[in-house]
Amino acid sequence: MTLNLLLVLILLAVLLARLRWRRCSRALLALAAVLLLAVGCGPLPGWLLTHLQADYAADAPVAWGRRNAIVLLGASTVRVAPGGRVEASLFAYGRIDKAAALYRECRQVAGRECRLEVSGGDARGLGRPEAAVYAANLQRLGVDPADLLLESSSMNTWQNAQFSGPLLQAYGADRVLLVSSGYHLRRGMLYFAHFGIHAVPVRADYVSSAASWTPSSYNFAMADLALHEYLGVARYRVYQALGWNVRATRPGSL
């Protein structure tokens, strides 16, 4: 995303130079240089990520209810090799580990009910939904298969929230924990609230930029990661104002 913007600025600068609009061309080249350094050397993605994750930086103790649901949001899957098995992606393991740890904590008190919902379909078309792949990992971490709720149809975060609602309502959860990466929680919480799900956010991991004297591809990737989340929130606000979103569920109805 940011590299594409940088390329567009450079191409426009070249075009303006050929049209003899030299001042505009130099201004665009200067803007491209500032963007290259601001993103590539870390300050811009660092600022974006810090503000995106600020509300979830600290781990707060969980106030468990009687019937608890831990909702794990997917972070994609990968095929190990052509024709090989489908596994959780690199970015998913922090979320899986955090969800399993919460489940074990929840089960420590007798009489407390604990369910772990895994939400994620086969968005990449690899033949297995994220929910099924992650469930296998969770069972190896000690989660009882009887306590797993699998939502295997969603293709994105919006559908994670939309399709989780009926599962959580059928279970009758009085406490819902939403587990995802720190950078993803703001958008996830917004979407879940839209569908009437009052959830407690739990950060599985935290990402940051890397300060560097020279531009690095890592910082461009972090900038794209943050911008994807900000754009998702902005799109929700615009669609909501225009009435394009699915009708919101009454807040607190779940």
Protein backbone atom coordinates (compact mmCIF):
# COMPACT_ATOMS: atom_id res chain seq x y z
CA MET A 1 0.00 0.00 0.00
CA THR A 2 2.63 2.54 1.06
CA LEU A 3 5.08 1.37 -1.60
CA ASN A 4 2.37 1.77 -4.23
CA LEU A 5 1.71 5.31 -3.03
CA LEU A 6 5.42 6.05 -3.20
CA LEU A 7 5.60 4.70 -6.75
CA VAL A 8 2.58 6.78 -7.82
CA LEU A 9 4.17 9.96 -6.45
CA ILE A 10 7.40 9.27 -8.34
CA LEU A 11 5.58 8.50 -11.60
CA LEU A 12 3.51 11.66 -11.28
CA ALA A 13 6.68 13.65 -10.64
CA VAL A 14 8.26 12.23 -13.79
CA LEU A 15 5.13 12.99 -15.80
CA LEU A 16 4.99 16.57 -14.54
CA ALA A 17 8.66 17.03 -15.33
CA ARG A 18 8.05 15.93 -18.92
CA LEU A 19 5.20 18.46 -19.08
CA ARG A 20 7.65 21.11 -17.82
CA TRP A 21 5.76 21.61 -14.55
CA ARG A 22 9.06 21.52 -12.72
CA ARG A 23 7.95 23.08 -9.43
CA CYS A 24 5.14 20.57 -9.01
CA SER A 25 7.48 17.77 -10.03
CA ARG A 26 10.08 18.77 -7.44
CA ALA A 27 7.38 19.10 -4.78
CA LEU A 28 6.14 15.57 -5.46
CA LEU A 29 9.68 14.19 -5.42
CA ALA A 30 10.29 15.90 -2.10
CA LEU A 31 7.04 14.44 -0.74
CA ALA A 32 8.08 10.99 -1.96
CA ALA A 33 11.46 11.36 -0.23
CA VAL A 34 9.80 12.39 3.05
CA LEU A 35 7.39 9.46 2.81
CA LEU A 36 10.25 7.06 2.08
CA LEU A 37 12.15 8.15 5.19
CA ALA A 38 9.12 8.54 7.46
CA VAL A 39 7.86 5.06 6.68
CA GLY A 40 11.05 3.18 5.90
CA CYS A 41 13.02 4.46 8.90
CA GLY A 42 10.20 3.74 11.33
CA PRO A 43 8.67 6.93 12.79
CA LEU A 44 5.38 6.87 10.87
CA PRO A 45 4.51 3.17 11.33
CA GLY A 46 5.67 3.45 14.95
CA TRP A 47 3.26 6.32 15.58
CA LEU A 48 0.40 4.59 13.79
CA LEU A 49 0.87 1.32 15.66
CA THR A 50 1.31 2.96 19.06
CA HIS A 51 -1.99 4.81 18.78
CA LEU A 52 -3.74 1.79 17.31
CA GLN A 53 -2.71 -0.48 20.20
CA ALA A 54 -2.62 2.06 23.05
CA ASP A 55 -5.84 0.87 24.70
CA TYR A 56 -4.62 -2.72 24.80
CA ALA A 57 -0.99 -2.34 25.82
CA ALA A 58 -1.58 -3.38 29.45
CA ASP A 59 -2.97 -6.78 30.43
CA ALA A 60 -5.94 -6.36 32.77
CA PRO A 61 -7.09 -9.19 35.07
CA VAL A 62 -10.12 -11.04 33.75
CA ALA A 63 -13.35 -10.92 35.76
CA TRP A 64 -14.81 -14.29 34.85
CA GLY A 65 -18.53 -14.98 34.74
CA ARG A 66 -20.47 -18.20 35.20
CA ARG A 67 -20.73 -19.03 31.49
CA ASN A 68 -17.65 -17.76 29.67
CA ALA A 69 -16.87 -17.67 25.98
CA ILE A 70 -13.36 -16.98 24.69
CA VAL A 71 -13.54 -15.92 21.03
CA LEU A 72 -10.36 -16.48 19.02
CA LEU A 73 -10.10 -14.52 15.77
CA GLY A 74 -8.14 -16.14 12.97
CA ALA A 75 -4.97 -14.84 11.35
CA SER A 76 -4.95 -16.93 8.18
CA THR A 77 -3.52 -20.33 7.27
CA VAL A 78 -0.71 -21.57 5.01
CA ARG A 79 -0.03 -24.69 2.99
CA VAL A 80 3.30 -26.16 4.05
CA ALA A 81 4.27 -27.15 0.50
CA PRO A 82 2.45 -27.87 -2.77
CA GLY A 83 0.11 -30.69 -1.86
CA GLY A 84 1.11 -30.49 1.82
CA ARG A 85 -1.04 -30.03 4.87
CA VAL A 86 -2.66 -26.76 5.92
CA GLU A 87 -1.34 -25.17 9.10
CA ALA A 88 -1.87 -21.97 11.08
CA SER A 89 0.12 -19.01 9.76
CA LEU A 90 3.08 -17.48 11.56
CA PHE A 91 0.85 -14.66 12.82
CA ALA A 92 -1.73 -17.00 14.36
CA TYR A 93 0.31 -18.78 17.03
CA GLY A 94 0.37 -15.91 19.52
CA ARG A 95 -3.42 -15.76 19.38
CA ILE A 96 -3.78 -19.52 19.72
CA ASP A 97 -1.44 -19.64 22.71
CA LYS A 98 -3.21 -16.74 24.45
CA ALA A 99 -6.65 -18.30 23.93
CA ALA A 100 -5.45 -21.63 25.34
CA ALA A 101 -3.91 -19.89 28.37
CA LEU A 102 -7.18 -18.07 29.05
CA TYR A 103 -9.10 -21.32 28.76
CA ARG A 104 -6.84 -23.00 31.32
CA GLU A 105 -7.23 -20.02 33.65
CA CYS A 106 -11.00 -20.12 33.27
CA ARG A 107 -11.15 -23.83 34.11
CA GLN A 108 -9.30 -23.39 37.40
CA VAL A 109 -12.50 -22.61 39.32
CA ALA A 110 -14.99 -25.45 39.83
CA GLY A 111 -18.47 -24.75 38.52
CA ARG A 112 -17.31 -22.15 36.00
CA GLU A 113 -18.29 -22.98 32.41
CA CYS A 114 -15.76 -22.20 29.70
CA ARG A 115 -16.12 -22.42 25.93
CA LEU A 116 -13.56 -21.45 23.34
CA GLU A 117 -15.02 -20.28 20.04
CA VAL A 118 -12.68 -20.34 17.05
CA SER A 119 -13.88 -18.05 14.26
CA GLY A 120 -12.50 -18.30 10.73
CA GLY A 121 -13.38 -19.92 7.42
CA ASP A 122 -11.26 -20.93 4.45
CA ALA A 123 -10.59 -17.40 3.19
CA ARG A 124 -7.49 -18.50 1.24
CA GLY A 125 -9.18 -21.44 -0.44
CA LEU A 126 -6.72 -24.03 0.90
CA GLY A 127 -9.34 -26.68 1.60
CA ARG A 128 -9.57 -26.37 5.41
CA PRO A 129 -11.18 -23.56 7.43
CA GLU A 130 -9.07 -21.68 9.95
CA ALA A 131 -11.38 -22.79 12.75
CA ALA A 132 -10.64 -26.48 12.14
CA VAL A 133 -6.89 -25.92 11.79
CA TYR A 134 -6.66 -23.84 14.95
CA ALA A 135 -8.87 -26.28 16.87
CA ALA A 136 -6.28 -29.01 16.33
CA ASN A 137 -3.58 -26.76 17.81
CA LEU A 138 -5.80 -25.88 20.77
CA GLN A 139 -6.49 -29.52 21.56
CA ARG A 140 -2.75 -30.18 21.64
CA LEU A 141 -2.53 -27.34 24.19
CA GLY A 142 -5.03 -29.03 26.45
CA VAL A 143 -8.39 -27.62 25.35
CA ASP A 144 -11.18 -30.17 25.71
CA PRO A 145 -12.80 -30.79 22.27
CA ALA A 146 -16.20 -30.66 23.99
CA ASP A 147 -15.49 -27.04 24.95
CA LEU A 148 -14.73 -25.89 21.41
CA LEU A 149 -17.24 -23.93 19.33
CA LEU A 150 -16.23 -23.74 15.67
CA GLU A 151 -17.42 -20.97 13.38
CA SER A 152 -16.08 -22.03 9.98
CA SER A 153 -17.90 -19.78 7.52
CA SER A 154 -16.51 -16.26 8.02
CA MET A 155 -14.15 -14.79 5.43
CA ASN A 156 -13.18 -11.59 7.25
CA THR A 157 -13.40 -9.77 10.58
CA TRP A 158 -16.86 -8.39 9.84
CA GLN A 159 -18.21 -11.89 9.30
CA ASN A 160 -16.29 -13.13 12.37
CA ALA A 161 -18.53 -10.83 14.39
CA GLN A 162 -21.69 -11.44 12.39
CA PHE A 163 -21.49 -15.24 12.52
CA SER A 164 -20.24 -15.45 16.10
CA GLY A 165 -23.39 -13.82 17.45
CA PRO A 166 -25.74 -16.81 17.00
CA LEU A 167 -23.17 -19.24 18.47
CA LEU A 168 -22.62 -17.12 21.57
CA GLN A 169 -26.32 -16.52 21.99
CA ALA A 170 -27.11 -20.24 21.71
CA TYR A 171 -24.48 -20.99 24.36
CA GLY A 172 -25.86 -18.26 26.62
CA ALA A 173 -22.51 -16.65 27.44
CA ASP A 174 -22.57 -14.04 30.19
CA ARG A 175 -18.93 -13.08 29.65
CA VAL A 176 -17.24 -12.86 26.23
CA LEU A 177 -13.50 -12.38 25.75
CA LEU A 178 -12.22 -11.35 22.33
CA VAL A 179 -8.69 -12.57 21.62
CA SER A 180 -6.68 -11.10 18.78
CA SER A 181 -3.50 -9.19 18.03
CA GLY A 182 -3.17 -5.76 19.59
CA TYR A 183 -3.24 -3.98 16.24
CA HIS A 184 -6.47 -5.82 15.27
CA LEU A 185 -8.52 -5.36 18.43
CA ARG A 186 -9.85 -1.86 17.77
CA ARG A 187 -11.50 -2.96 14.53
CA GLY A 188 -12.59 -6.29 15.99
CA MET A 189 -14.21 -4.66 19.00
CA LEU A 190 -16.01 -2.16 16.76
CA TYR A 191 -17.47 -4.90 14.57
CA PHE A 192 -18.48 -7.13 17.48
CA ALA A 193 -20.20 -4.20 19.20
CA HIS A 194 -22.14 -3.56 15.98
CA PHE A 195 -23.66 -7.03 16.29
CA GLY A 196 -24.58 -6.52 19.94
CA ILE A 197 -21.69 -8.51 21.41
CA HIS A 198 -20.27 -6.90 24.52
CA ALA A 199 -16.75 -8.33 24.64
CA VAL A 200 -13.68 -7.84 26.79
CA PRO A 201 -10.62 -7.29 24.55
CA VAL A 202 -7.56 -9.44 25.25
CA ARG A 203 -4.32 -8.73 23.41
CA ALA A 204 -2.41 -11.77 22.22
CA ASP A 205 0.59 -9.90 20.83
CA TYR A 206 1.97 -6.42 20.23
CA VAL A 207 3.90 -5.17 17.20
CA SER A 208 6.08 -2.12 16.65
CA SER A 209 8.28 -0.56 14.01
CA ALA A 210 12.07 -0.82 14.00
CA ALA A 211 14.06 2.43 14.12
CA SER A 212 16.61 2.46 11.34
CA TRP A 213 18.96 4.93 9.65
CA THR A 214 18.02 3.46 6.26
CA PRO A 215 14.57 2.47 4.98
CA SER A 216 13.60 -1.16 5.64
CA SER A 217 10.94 -3.38 4.10
CA TYR A 218 9.82 -4.39 7.61
CA ASN A 219 8.72 -0.84 8.41
CA PHE A 220 6.79 -0.63 5.15
CA ALA A 221 5.02 -3.88 6.08
CA MET A 222 4.17 -2.49 9.54
CA ALA A 223 2.82 0.70 7.98
CA ASP A 224 0.60 -1.33 5.66
CA LEU A 225 -0.59 -3.42 8.62
CA ALA A 226 -1.62 -0.33 10.56
CA LEU A 227 -3.19 1.43 7.58
CA HIS A 228 -5.30 -1.64 6.83
CA GLU A 229 -6.80 -1.40 10.31
CA TYR A 230 -7.38 2.37 10.18
CA LEU A 231 -9.01 2.06 6.75
CA GLY A 232 -11.24 -0.75 8.06
CA VAL A 233 -12.45 1.48 10.88
CA ALA A 234 -12.91 4.44 8.52
CA ARG A 235 -14.85 2.33 6.03
CA TYR A 236 -17.16 1.13 8.82
CA ARG A 237 -17.84 4.75 9.86
CA VAL A 238 -18.57 5.83 6.29
CA TYR A 239 -20.79 2.83 5.54
CA GLN A 240 -22.64 3.38 8.81
CA ALA A 241 -23.27 7.03 7.95
CA LEU A 242 -24.54 6.04 4.50
CA GLY A 243 -26.69 3.21 5.84
CA TRP A 244 -24.78 0.54 3.92
CA ASN A 245 -23.89 -1.68 6.89
CA VAL A 246 -26.07 -4.55 8.00
CA ARG A 247 -28.50 -3.22 10.58
CA ALA A 248 -26.85 -3.08 13.97
CA THR A 249 -27.98 -5.41 16.73
CA ARG A 250 -29.22 -3.67 19.86
CA PRO A 251 -26.15 -2.90 22.05
CA GLY A 252 -25.85 -5.27 24.97
CA SER A 253 -28.46 -7.68 23.63
CA LEU A 254 -26.00 -10.53 23.99
